[in-house]
Amino acid sequence: MLALRTSAFDLFEHLEQELARVERVPAAEIRETDEAFLLTLELPGIPRNAIEIKATDRRLVVTAERKAPAEKDGLRSEFRYGTWSRSFSFGKGINPEKLEAHHRDGLLAITAPKAEAIRSVTIKVQG
């Protein structure tokens, strides 16, 4: 609940804090070639060992964590810390066994080769 004497500046600062919590998901670019999907995500300040990539035949999930430094008196930071996860779905299917990922200069580049064939199973109902 907001106090009756809250200034407009206080409201904007509160809004800025809320947006900072929501905007943890990094910007991404996705390109498609004949052979693969090429994803690039901005991950400044996130070390390679804090990134996890999981994949299925049609989905890729990237999870990462940016840890906050130890508390310091008087520290005011606008950096975004915490854990986030982002998923990408592919209609044509990907080959999860042949994924490649490289992390350099704050960018994560993922190559997701397209699947040669989408696997599907038909099950006969037993009576």
N, C-alpha and C. Protein backbone atom coordinates (compact mmCIF):
# COMPACT_ATOMS: atom_id res chain seq x y z
N MET A 1 0.84 -1.17 0.00
CA MET A 1 0.00 0.00 0.00
C MET A 1 0.89 1.24 0.00
N LEU A 2 0.54 2.20 -0.82
CA LEU A 2 1.33 3.42 -0.93
C LEU A 2 0.87 4.46 0.10
N ALA A 3 1.80 5.20 0.64
CA ALA A 3 1.47 6.27 1.57
C ALA A 3 0.85 7.43 0.80
N LEU A 4 0.03 8.20 1.49
CA LEU A 4 -0.64 9.33 0.83
C LEU A 4 0.33 10.40 0.39
N ARG A 5 1.47 10.52 1.02
CA ARG A 5 2.43 11.57 0.70
C ARG A 5 3.58 11.07 -0.17
N THR A 6 3.38 10.01 -0.88
CA THR A 6 4.42 9.50 -1.78
C THR A 6 4.57 10.45 -2.96
N SER A 7 5.81 10.79 -3.27
CA SER A 7 6.03 11.70 -4.39
C SER A 7 6.06 10.91 -5.70
N ALA A 8 5.97 11.64 -6.79
CA ALA A 8 6.03 11.00 -8.11
C ALA A 8 7.38 10.34 -8.32
N PHE A 9 8.44 10.90 -7.75
CA PHE A 9 9.77 10.31 -7.87
C PHE A 9 9.82 8.95 -7.17
N ASP A 10 9.16 8.85 -6.01
CA ASP A 10 9.11 7.57 -5.29
C ASP A 10 8.36 6.52 -6.11
N LEU A 11 7.30 6.94 -6.76
CA LEU A 11 6.53 6.00 -7.59
C LEU A 11 7.36 5.51 -8.76
N PHE A 12 8.11 6.40 -9.41
CA PHE A 12 8.96 5.99 -10.52
C PHE A 12 10.08 5.06 -10.05
N GLU A 13 10.65 5.32 -8.90
CA GLU A 13 11.70 4.45 -8.38
C GLU A 13 11.13 3.06 -8.06
N HIS A 14 9.93 3.03 -7.51
CA HIS A 14 9.28 1.74 -7.23
C HIS A 14 9.01 0.98 -8.54
N LEU A 15 8.53 1.68 -9.56
CA LEU A 15 8.29 1.07 -10.86
C LEU A 15 9.58 0.55 -11.46
N GLU A 16 10.67 1.31 -11.35
CA GLU A 16 11.96 0.89 -11.87
C GLU A 16 12.45 -0.38 -11.17
N GLN A 17 12.24 -0.48 -9.87
CA GLN A 17 12.63 -1.68 -9.12
C GLN A 17 11.82 -2.89 -9.56
N GLU A 18 10.53 -2.70 -9.78
CA GLU A 18 9.69 -3.81 -10.23
C GLU A 18 10.09 -4.28 -11.63
N LEU A 19 10.37 -3.34 -12.52
CA LEU A 19 10.80 -3.70 -13.88
C LEU A 19 12.13 -4.44 -13.85
N ALA A 20 13.02 -4.04 -12.96
CA ALA A 20 14.33 -4.70 -12.86
C ALA A 20 14.16 -6.17 -12.47
N ARG A 21 13.18 -6.46 -11.64
CA ARG A 21 12.94 -7.86 -11.24
C ARG A 21 12.39 -8.68 -12.40
N VAL A 22 11.54 -8.05 -13.21
CA VAL A 22 10.89 -8.76 -14.31
C VAL A 22 11.84 -8.96 -15.48
N GLU A 23 12.74 -8.03 -15.74
CA GLU A 23 13.57 -8.04 -16.94
C GLU A 23 14.84 -8.87 -16.80
N ARG A 24 14.77 -10.03 -16.20
CA ARG A 24 15.95 -10.88 -16.06
C ARG A 24 16.19 -11.73 -17.30
N VAL A 25 15.21 -11.86 -18.14
CA VAL A 25 15.35 -12.70 -19.32
C VAL A 25 16.19 -11.96 -20.36
N PRO A 26 17.25 -12.60 -20.85
CA PRO A 26 18.15 -11.91 -21.78
C PRO A 26 17.55 -11.78 -23.18
N ALA A 27 18.06 -10.80 -23.90
CA ALA A 27 17.67 -10.63 -25.30
C ALA A 27 18.24 -11.79 -26.11
N ALA A 28 17.52 -12.19 -27.15
CA ALA A 28 17.96 -13.32 -27.98
C ALA A 28 17.73 -13.01 -29.45
N GLU A 29 18.58 -13.61 -30.27
CA GLU A 29 18.40 -13.60 -31.73
C GLU A 29 18.33 -15.05 -32.17
N ILE A 30 17.42 -15.33 -33.10
CA ILE A 30 17.28 -16.69 -33.63
C ILE A 30 17.31 -16.60 -35.15
N ARG A 31 18.22 -17.34 -35.75
CA ARG A 31 18.32 -17.42 -37.20
C ARG A 31 18.12 -18.87 -37.62
N GLU A 32 17.54 -19.06 -38.77
CA GLU A 32 17.33 -20.41 -39.30
C GLU A 32 18.07 -20.55 -40.62
N THR A 33 18.84 -21.63 -40.73
CA THR A 33 19.47 -21.98 -41.99
C THR A 33 18.84 -23.29 -42.46
N ASP A 34 19.30 -23.79 -43.58
CA ASP A 34 18.78 -25.07 -44.07
C ASP A 34 19.11 -26.22 -43.14
N GLU A 35 20.25 -26.10 -42.42
CA GLU A 35 20.73 -27.20 -41.59
C GLU A 35 20.45 -27.05 -40.10
N ALA A 36 20.27 -25.80 -39.60
CA ALA A 36 20.20 -25.61 -38.15
C ALA A 36 19.49 -24.32 -37.77
N PHE A 37 19.19 -24.23 -36.46
CA PHE A 37 18.73 -22.99 -35.85
C PHE A 37 19.94 -22.43 -35.09
N LEU A 38 20.19 -21.13 -35.25
CA LEU A 38 21.32 -20.48 -34.59
C LEU A 38 20.77 -19.47 -33.59
N LEU A 39 21.02 -19.69 -32.31
CA LEU A 39 20.54 -18.82 -31.26
C LEU A 39 21.70 -18.07 -30.63
N THR A 40 21.50 -16.80 -30.35
CA THR A 40 22.49 -16.01 -29.63
C THR A 40 21.76 -15.30 -28.50
N LEU A 41 22.26 -15.45 -27.27
CA LEU A 41 21.67 -14.81 -26.10
C LEU A 41 22.70 -13.91 -25.44
N GLU A 42 22.25 -12.74 -24.97
CA GLU A 42 23.12 -11.83 -24.23
C GLU A 42 23.19 -12.28 -22.77
N LEU A 43 24.39 -12.60 -22.28
CA LEU A 43 24.57 -13.04 -20.91
C LEU A 43 25.75 -12.32 -20.26
N PRO A 44 25.71 -11.00 -20.17
CA PRO A 44 26.85 -10.30 -19.58
C PRO A 44 27.00 -10.62 -18.10
N GLY A 45 28.24 -10.86 -17.69
CA GLY A 45 28.52 -11.11 -16.29
C GLY A 45 28.15 -12.48 -15.77
N ILE A 46 27.75 -13.38 -16.63
CA ILE A 46 27.39 -14.73 -16.20
C ILE A 46 28.50 -15.68 -16.62
N PRO A 47 29.13 -16.36 -15.66
CA PRO A 47 30.21 -17.29 -16.01
C PRO A 47 29.68 -18.54 -16.71
N ARG A 48 30.53 -19.15 -17.49
CA ARG A 48 30.18 -20.34 -18.27
C ARG A 48 29.59 -21.45 -17.39
N ASN A 49 30.15 -21.64 -16.19
CA ASN A 49 29.69 -22.75 -15.34
C ASN A 49 28.35 -22.46 -14.68
N ALA A 50 27.77 -21.27 -14.86
CA ALA A 50 26.46 -20.94 -14.31
C ALA A 50 25.35 -21.06 -15.35
N ILE A 51 25.68 -21.63 -16.51
CA ILE A 51 24.71 -21.78 -17.61
C ILE A 51 24.39 -23.25 -17.80
N GLU A 52 23.11 -23.56 -17.93
CA GLU A 52 22.68 -24.94 -18.19
C GLU A 52 21.76 -24.95 -19.41
N ILE A 53 21.98 -25.91 -20.30
CA ILE A 53 21.17 -26.02 -21.51
C ILE A 53 20.60 -27.44 -21.55
N LYS A 54 19.28 -27.53 -21.69
CA LYS A 54 18.60 -28.83 -21.82
C LYS A 54 17.81 -28.81 -23.12
N ALA A 55 17.72 -29.98 -23.76
CA ALA A 55 17.01 -30.03 -25.04
C ALA A 55 16.24 -31.32 -25.19
N THR A 56 15.12 -31.22 -25.92
CA THR A 56 14.35 -32.38 -26.37
C THR A 56 14.27 -32.28 -27.89
N ASP A 57 13.44 -33.09 -28.50
CA ASP A 57 13.32 -33.08 -29.97
C ASP A 57 12.80 -31.76 -30.53
N ARG A 58 12.03 -31.03 -29.75
CA ARG A 58 11.43 -29.79 -30.25
C ARG A 58 11.61 -28.58 -29.34
N ARG A 59 12.32 -28.75 -28.24
CA ARG A 59 12.41 -27.66 -27.26
C ARG A 59 13.82 -27.52 -26.72
N LEU A 60 14.22 -26.27 -26.48
CA LEU A 60 15.53 -25.96 -25.91
C LEU A 60 15.29 -25.04 -24.72
N VAL A 61 15.88 -25.36 -23.56
CA VAL A 61 15.71 -24.55 -22.36
C VAL A 61 17.09 -24.11 -21.87
N VAL A 62 17.26 -22.80 -21.71
CA VAL A 62 18.51 -22.24 -21.21
C VAL A 62 18.22 -21.64 -19.84
N THR A 63 19.01 -22.05 -18.84
CA THR A 63 18.87 -21.55 -17.47
C THR A 63 20.22 -21.00 -17.04
N ALA A 64 20.22 -19.88 -16.35
CA ALA A 64 21.48 -19.29 -15.88
C ALA A 64 21.24 -18.55 -14.58
N GLU A 65 22.35 -18.31 -13.87
CA GLU A 65 22.26 -17.57 -12.61
C GLU A 65 23.37 -16.54 -12.54
N ARG A 66 23.00 -15.35 -12.17
CA ARG A 66 23.97 -14.28 -11.92
C ARG A 66 23.89 -13.97 -10.44
N LYS A 67 24.94 -14.34 -9.71
CA LYS A 67 24.93 -14.17 -8.25
C LYS A 67 25.31 -12.75 -7.86
N ALA A 68 24.61 -12.26 -6.85
CA ALA A 68 24.90 -10.93 -6.33
C ALA A 68 26.16 -10.98 -5.47
N PRO A 69 26.91 -9.89 -5.44
CA PRO A 69 28.10 -9.86 -4.57
C PRO A 69 27.68 -9.84 -3.11
N ALA A 70 28.63 -10.13 -2.23
CA ALA A 70 28.34 -10.07 -0.79
C ALA A 70 27.84 -8.67 -0.44
N GLU A 71 26.93 -8.61 0.50
CA GLU A 71 26.35 -7.32 0.90
C GLU A 71 27.43 -6.35 1.37
N LYS A 72 27.29 -5.11 0.94
CA LYS A 72 28.20 -4.05 1.36
C LYS A 72 27.36 -2.87 1.81
N ASP A 73 27.77 -2.24 2.88
CA ASP A 73 27.03 -1.09 3.38
C ASP A 73 27.04 0.03 2.34
N GLY A 74 25.88 0.62 2.14
CA GLY A 74 25.77 1.76 1.24
C GLY A 74 25.80 1.41 -0.24
N LEU A 75 25.77 0.13 -0.58
CA LEU A 75 25.82 -0.26 -1.99
C LEU A 75 24.47 -0.01 -2.64
N ARG A 76 24.48 0.70 -3.74
CA ARG A 76 23.27 0.86 -4.56
C ARG A 76 23.62 0.28 -5.92
N SER A 77 22.88 -0.71 -6.33
CA SER A 77 23.20 -1.39 -7.57
C SER A 77 21.97 -1.45 -8.47
N GLU A 78 22.19 -1.23 -9.75
CA GLU A 78 21.13 -1.39 -10.74
C GLU A 78 21.34 -2.66 -11.56
N PHE A 79 22.36 -3.45 -11.19
CA PHE A 79 22.58 -4.72 -11.87
C PHE A 79 21.45 -5.69 -11.54
N ARG A 80 21.19 -6.61 -12.44
CA ARG A 80 20.14 -7.61 -12.22
C ARG A 80 20.80 -8.93 -11.82
N TYR A 81 20.36 -9.46 -10.69
CA TYR A 81 20.90 -10.71 -10.17
C TYR A 81 19.77 -11.72 -10.03
N GLY A 82 20.13 -12.98 -10.00
CA GLY A 82 19.15 -14.02 -9.78
C GLY A 82 19.21 -15.09 -10.85
N THR A 83 18.24 -15.99 -10.79
CA THR A 83 18.15 -17.10 -11.73
C THR A 83 17.01 -16.85 -12.70
N TRP A 84 17.21 -17.20 -13.93
CA TRP A 84 16.15 -17.10 -14.93
C TRP A 84 16.21 -18.31 -15.84
N SER A 85 15.15 -18.53 -16.56
CA SER A 85 15.08 -19.64 -17.51
C SER A 85 14.31 -19.16 -18.73
N ARG A 86 14.78 -19.58 -19.89
CA ARG A 86 14.10 -19.20 -21.13
C ARG A 86 14.02 -20.42 -22.02
N SER A 87 12.86 -20.63 -22.64
CA SER A 87 12.70 -21.80 -23.50
C SER A 87 12.35 -21.37 -24.92
N PHE A 88 12.77 -22.21 -25.86
CA PHE A 88 12.53 -21.98 -27.28
C PHE A 88 11.92 -23.25 -27.86
N SER A 89 10.86 -23.11 -28.63
CA SER A 89 10.21 -24.26 -29.28
C SER A 89 10.46 -24.20 -30.78
N PHE A 90 10.69 -25.37 -31.36
CA PHE A 90 10.99 -25.47 -32.78
C PHE A 90 9.97 -26.38 -33.45
N GLY A 91 9.27 -25.88 -34.44
CA GLY A 91 8.26 -26.65 -35.14
C GLY A 91 8.84 -27.76 -35.99
N LYS A 92 10.06 -27.58 -36.51
CA LYS A 92 10.66 -28.57 -37.39
C LYS A 92 11.45 -29.62 -36.64
N GLY A 93 11.68 -29.45 -35.37
CA GLY A 93 12.43 -30.43 -34.59
C GLY A 93 13.93 -30.22 -34.69
N ILE A 94 14.62 -30.54 -33.61
CA ILE A 94 16.08 -30.41 -33.56
C ILE A 94 16.69 -31.74 -33.12
N ASN A 95 17.98 -31.86 -33.33
CA ASN A 95 18.72 -33.05 -32.92
C ASN A 95 19.46 -32.72 -31.63
N PRO A 96 18.92 -33.10 -30.45
CA PRO A 96 19.53 -32.70 -29.19
C PRO A 96 20.92 -33.28 -28.96
N GLU A 97 21.24 -34.40 -29.60
CA GLU A 97 22.56 -35.01 -29.42
C GLU A 97 23.68 -34.22 -30.10
N LYS A 98 23.34 -33.38 -31.06
CA LYS A 98 24.36 -32.64 -31.81
C LYS A 98 24.39 -31.15 -31.51
N LEU A 99 23.81 -30.74 -30.38
CA LEU A 99 23.84 -29.33 -29.99
C LEU A 99 25.27 -28.88 -29.71
N GLU A 100 25.56 -27.64 -30.04
CA GLU A 100 26.85 -27.03 -29.72
C GLU A 100 26.58 -25.68 -29.08
N ALA A 101 27.35 -25.33 -28.04
CA ALA A 101 27.20 -24.04 -27.38
C ALA A 101 28.57 -23.46 -27.08
N HIS A 102 28.69 -22.15 -27.31
CA HIS A 102 29.94 -21.43 -27.05
C HIS A 102 29.61 -20.15 -26.30
N HIS A 103 30.40 -19.83 -25.29
CA HIS A 103 30.20 -18.64 -24.48
C HIS A 103 31.44 -17.76 -24.57
N ARG A 104 31.26 -16.54 -25.07
CA ARG A 104 32.41 -15.65 -25.23
C ARG A 104 31.94 -14.19 -25.21
N ASP A 105 32.64 -13.36 -24.50
CA ASP A 105 32.38 -11.92 -24.45
C ASP A 105 30.93 -11.59 -24.09
N GLY A 106 30.35 -12.37 -23.18
CA GLY A 106 28.99 -12.10 -22.73
C GLY A 106 27.89 -12.59 -23.66
N LEU A 107 28.26 -13.35 -24.68
CA LEU A 107 27.26 -13.90 -25.61
C LEU A 107 27.31 -15.42 -25.59
N LEU A 108 26.15 -16.03 -25.55
CA LEU A 108 26.03 -17.49 -25.64
C LEU A 108 25.50 -17.80 -27.03
N ALA A 109 26.28 -18.54 -27.81
CA ALA A 109 25.88 -18.94 -29.16
C ALA A 109 25.57 -20.43 -29.16
N ILE A 110 24.37 -20.79 -29.58
CA ILE A 110 23.94 -22.19 -29.62
C ILE A 110 23.59 -22.55 -31.05
N THR A 111 24.14 -23.67 -31.50
CA THR A 111 23.77 -24.22 -32.80
C THR A 111 22.94 -25.47 -32.54
N ALA A 112 21.71 -25.45 -33.02
CA ALA A 112 20.79 -26.58 -32.84
C ALA A 112 20.48 -27.16 -34.22
N PRO A 113 21.21 -28.23 -34.61
CA PRO A 113 20.96 -28.83 -35.92
C PRO A 113 19.53 -29.35 -36.02
N LYS A 114 18.96 -29.19 -37.20
CA LYS A 114 17.61 -29.69 -37.43
C LYS A 114 17.62 -31.22 -37.45
N ALA A 115 16.54 -31.81 -36.99
CA ALA A 115 16.41 -33.27 -37.00
C ALA A 115 16.19 -33.72 -38.43
N GLU A 116 16.80 -34.85 -38.77
CA GLU A 116 16.61 -35.39 -40.11
C GLU A 116 15.18 -35.89 -40.29
N ALA A 117 14.63 -36.41 -39.23
CA ALA A 117 13.24 -36.88 -39.27
C ALA A 117 12.65 -36.72 -37.87
N ILE A 118 11.41 -36.33 -37.82
CA ILE A 118 10.73 -36.22 -36.55
C ILE A 118 10.22 -37.61 -36.16
N ARG A 119 10.58 -38.00 -34.95
CA ARG A 119 10.15 -39.32 -34.48
C ARG A 119 8.75 -39.23 -33.92
N SER A 120 7.90 -40.12 -34.34
CA SER A 120 6.56 -40.22 -33.78
C SER A 120 6.22 -41.69 -33.63
N VAL A 121 5.37 -41.98 -32.72
CA VAL A 121 5.00 -43.36 -32.42
C VAL A 121 3.50 -43.48 -32.47
N THR A 122 3.01 -44.53 -33.11
CA THR A 122 1.59 -44.84 -33.12
C THR A 122 1.38 -46.08 -32.26
N ILE A 123 0.45 -45.97 -31.37
CA ILE A 123 0.18 -47.08 -30.45
C ILE A 123 -1.20 -47.65 -30.74
N LYS A 124 -1.25 -48.95 -30.87
CA LYS A 124 -2.53 -49.62 -31.12
C LYS A 124 -3.18 -49.88 -29.76
N VAL A 125 -4.43 -49.50 -29.67
CA VAL A 125 -5.17 -49.67 -28.42
C VAL A 125 -5.60 -51.13 -28.28
N GLN A 126 -5.26 -51.69 -27.14
CA GLN A 126 -5.63 -53.08 -26.85
C GLN A 126 -7.00 -53.11 -26.18
N GLY A 127 -7.79 -54.10 -26.51
CA GLY A 127 -9.14 -54.17 -25.94
C GLY A 127 -9.23 -55.24 -25.00
